[in-house]
C-alpha atoms as a PDB file:
ATOM      1  CA  GLN A   1       0.000   0.000   0.000  1.00  0.00           C
ATOM      2  CA  VAL A   2       1.121   3.494  -0.876  1.00  0.00           C
ATOM      3  CA  GLN A   3       0.390   6.363   1.467  1.00  0.00           C
ATOM      4  CA  LEU A   4      -1.609   9.156  -0.114  1.00  0.00           C
ATOM      5  CA  VAL A   5      -2.166  12.226   2.067  1.00  0.00           C
ATOM      6  CA  GLU A   6      -5.008  14.571   1.119  1.00  0.00           C
ATOM      7  CA  SER A   7      -5.746  18.086   2.255  1.00  0.00           C
ATOM      8  CA  GLY A   8      -7.885  21.055   1.320  1.00  0.00           C
ATOM      9  CA  GLY A   9     -11.484  20.047   1.889  1.00  0.00           C
ATOM     10  CA  GLY A  10     -13.974  22.198   3.716  1.00  0.00           C
ATOM     11  CA  LEU A  11     -17.265  24.060   3.721  1.00  0.00           C
ATOM     12  CA  VAL A  12     -17.921  26.669   1.060  1.00  0.00           C
ATOM     13  CA  GLN A  13     -20.894  28.473  -0.427  1.00  0.00           C
ATOM     14  CA  PRO A  14     -22.180  27.813  -3.947  1.00  0.00           C
ATOM     15  CA  GLY A  15     -20.018  29.521  -6.537  1.00  0.00           C
ATOM     16  CA  GLU A  16     -16.889  29.507  -4.399  1.00  0.00           C
ATOM     17  CA  SER A  17     -13.686  27.558  -4.956  1.00  0.00           C
ATOM     18  CA  LEU A  18     -11.596  24.936  -3.191  1.00  0.00           C
ATOM     19  CA  ARG A  19      -8.241  23.388  -3.958  1.00  0.00           C
ATOM     20  CA  LEU A  20      -7.553  19.805  -2.938  1.00  0.00           C
ATOM     21  CA  SER A  21      -4.023  18.444  -2.712  1.00  0.00           C
ATOM     22  CA  CYS A  22      -2.692  14.898  -2.545  1.00  0.00           C
ATOM     23  CA  ALA A  23       0.908  14.098  -1.669  1.00  0.00           C
ATOM     24  CA  THR A  24       2.728  10.809  -2.020  1.00  0.00           C
ATOM     25  CA  ALA A  25       6.182   9.321  -2.226  1.00  0.00           C
ATOM     26  CA  LYS A  26       8.393  10.368  -5.118  1.00  0.00           C
ATOM     27  CA  ASN A  27       9.248   6.874  -6.281  1.00  0.00           C
ATOM     28  CA  ILE A  28       5.546   6.141  -6.699  1.00  0.00           C
ATOM     29  CA  PHE A  29       4.204   9.436  -7.945  1.00  0.00           C
ATOM     30  CA  SER A  30       6.159   9.642 -11.168  1.00  0.00           C
ATOM     31  CA  ARG A  31       5.114   6.185 -12.372  1.00  0.00           C
ATOM     32  CA  TYR A  32       1.337   6.288 -12.120  1.00  0.00           C
ATOM     33  CA  THR A  33      -1.744   8.013 -13.361  1.00  0.00           C
ATOM     34  CA  MET A  34      -3.267   9.928 -10.463  1.00  0.00           C
ATOM     35  CA  GLY A  35      -6.908  10.707  -9.959  1.00  0.00           C
ATOM     36  CA  TRP A  36      -9.546  12.289  -7.776  1.00  0.00           C
ATOM     37  CA  TYR A  37     -12.800  10.489  -7.043  1.00  0.00           C
ATOM     38  CA  ARG A  38     -15.791  11.354  -4.902  1.00  0.00           C
ATOM     39  CA  GLN A  39     -18.482   9.478  -3.044  1.00  0.00           C
ATOM     40  CA  VAL A  40     -21.741  10.350  -1.351  1.00  0.00           C
ATOM     41  CA  PRO A  41     -23.488   8.023   1.092  1.00  0.00           C
ATOM     42  CA  GLY A  42     -25.394   5.273  -0.644  1.00  0.00           C
ATOM     43  CA  LYS A  43     -23.726   5.797  -4.015  1.00  0.00           C
ATOM     44  CA  GLN A  44     -20.711   4.347  -5.778  1.00  0.00           C
ATOM     45  CA  ARG A  45     -17.419   6.168  -5.797  1.00  0.00           C
ATOM     46  CA  GLU A  46     -17.106   8.055  -9.074  1.00  0.00           C
ATOM     47  CA  LEU A  47     -14.257   9.541 -11.043  1.00  0.00           C
ATOM     48  CA  VAL A  48     -13.892  13.312 -10.962  1.00  0.00           C
ATOM     49  CA  ALA A  49     -10.620  13.773 -12.852  1.00  0.00           C
ATOM     50  CA  GLN A  50      -7.445  11.900 -13.826  1.00  0.00           C
ATOM     51  CA  ILE A  51      -4.001  12.941 -14.983  1.00  0.00           C
ATOM     52  CA  THR A  52      -1.420  10.664 -16.588  1.00  0.00           C
ATOM     53  CA  THR A  53       2.310  10.743 -16.003  1.00  0.00           C
ATOM     54  CA  GLY A  54       2.600  12.721 -19.209  1.00  0.00           C
ATOM     55  CA  GLY A  55       0.022  15.286 -18.155  1.00  0.00           C
ATOM     56  CA  SER A  56      -2.984  14.158 -20.200  1.00  0.00           C
ATOM     57  CA  THR A  57      -6.234  14.767 -18.367  1.00  0.00           C
ATOM     58  CA  ASN A  58      -9.686  13.267 -18.241  1.00  0.00           C
ATOM     59  CA  TYR A  59     -12.724  14.783 -16.512  1.00  0.00           C
ATOM     60  CA  ALA A  60     -16.176  13.665 -15.554  1.00  0.00           C
ATOM     61  CA  ASP A  61     -18.872  15.578 -17.416  1.00  0.00           C
ATOM     62  CA  SER A  62     -19.881  17.222 -14.137  1.00  0.00           C
ATOM     63  CA  ALA A  63     -16.342  18.537 -13.628  1.00  0.00           C
ATOM     64  CA  GLN A  64     -15.544  19.625 -17.178  1.00  0.00           C
ATOM     65  CA  GLY A  65     -15.015  23.354 -17.418  1.00  0.00           C
ATOM     66  CA  ARG A  66     -15.100  23.930 -13.651  1.00  0.00           C
ATOM     67  CA  PHE A  67     -12.345  21.716 -12.249  1.00  0.00           C
ATOM     68  CA  THR A  68      -8.677  21.468 -13.161  1.00  0.00           C
ATOM     69  CA  ILE A  69      -6.373  18.618 -12.193  1.00  0.00           C
ATOM     70  CA  SER A  70      -2.640  19.165 -12.183  1.00  0.00           C
ATOM     71  CA  ARG A  71       0.476  17.424 -10.963  1.00  0.00           C
ATOM     72  CA  ASP A  72       3.816  18.691  -9.721  1.00  0.00           C
ATOM     73  CA  ASN A  73       6.440  16.045 -10.382  1.00  0.00           C
ATOM     74  CA  VAL A  74       8.997  17.867  -8.241  1.00  0.00           C
ATOM     75  CA  LYS A  75       6.835  18.241  -5.144  1.00  0.00           C
ATOM     76  CA  ASN A  76       5.034  14.913  -5.801  1.00  0.00           C
ATOM     77  CA  ILE A  77       1.629  16.508  -5.441  1.00  0.00           C
ATOM     78  CA  VAL A  78      -1.537  16.234  -7.482  1.00  0.00           C
ATOM     79  CA  ASP A  79      -4.026  19.061  -7.078  1.00  0.00           C
ATOM     80  CA  LEU A  80      -7.673  19.480  -7.951  1.00  0.00           C
ATOM     81  CA  GLN A  81      -8.763  23.090  -8.366  1.00  0.00           C
ATOM     82  CA  MET A  82     -12.535  23.248  -8.053  1.00  0.00           C
ATOM     83  CA  ASN A  83     -14.282  26.434  -9.157  1.00  0.00           C
ATOM     84  CA  SER A  84     -17.934  27.402  -9.337  1.00  0.00           C
ATOM     85  CA  LEU A  85     -18.817  24.769  -6.784  1.00  0.00           C
ATOM     86  CA  LYS A  86     -22.391  23.522  -6.577  1.00  0.00           C
ATOM     87  CA  PRO A  87     -24.299  21.805  -3.766  1.00  0.00           C
ATOM     88  CA  GLU A  88     -24.208  18.596  -5.805  1.00  0.00           C
ATOM     89  CA  ASP A  89     -20.411  18.616  -5.514  1.00  0.00           C
ATOM     90  CA  THR A  90     -20.820  17.824  -1.827  1.00  0.00           C
ATOM     91  CA  ALA A  91     -19.037  14.515  -1.204  1.00  0.00           C
ATOM     92  CA  VAL A  92     -16.010  12.876   0.329  1.00  0.00           C
ATOM     93  CA  HIS A  93     -13.218  13.304  -2.207  1.00  0.00           C
ATOM     94  CA  TYR A  94     -10.511  10.674  -2.507  1.00  0.00           C
ATOM     95  CA  CYS A  95      -7.097  10.700  -4.123  1.00  0.00           C
ATOM     96  CA  HIS A  96      -6.153   7.540  -6.039  1.00  0.00           C
ATOM     97  CA  GLY A  97      -2.945   6.263  -7.529  1.00  0.00           C
ATOM     98  CA  ALA A  98      -0.673   3.235  -7.553  1.00  0.00           C
ATOM     99  CA  TYR A  99      -3.619   1.004  -6.624  1.00  0.00           C
ATOM    100  CA  SER A 100      -4.074   2.950  -3.382  1.00  0.00           C
ATOM    101  CA  TRP A 101      -6.604   5.353  -1.914  1.00  0.00           C
ATOM    102  CA  GLY A 102      -6.206   8.317   0.379  1.00  0.00           C
ATOM    103  CA  GLN A 103      -8.269   8.665   3.528  1.00  0.00           C
ATOM    104  CA  GLY A 104     -10.712  11.093   1.930  1.00  0.00           C
ATOM    105  CA  THR A 105     -11.471  14.758   2.522  1.00  0.00           C
ATOM    106  CA  GLN A 106     -14.950  16.189   2.923  1.00  0.00           C
ATOM    107  CA  VAL A 107     -16.157  18.880   0.545  1.00  0.00           C
ATOM    108  CA  THR A 108     -19.431  20.531   1.499  1.00  0.00           C
ATOM    109  CA  VAL A 109     -21.084  23.159  -0.656  1.00  0.00           C
ATOM    110  CA  SER A 110     -23.980  24.830   1.087  1.00  0.00           C
ATOM    111  CA  ALA A 111     -25.540  28.230   1.471  1.00  0.00           C
END
């Protein structure tokens, strides 16, 4: 198991932004596609965004145009910039890579 450490969740109002970060070990980070997923109670975990080692990205339809995933191969961090947040973005967000999951960070969007 690879340790993935997430940070950046919180409570925001609709229309505001949050930036999630996920850090992992250097010898793992550079070899794997990294992704952010989210899950609400009673539903399956779903992909939000992915980024390959070469920087190619893939977004869920719900995230396209609002969220940006990026990776820093020096700091070994993958970030998810979330703009124009909506109440339906409320979920526990998980970092994934190297067949491992982070512990999850809560994002709550509410007026």
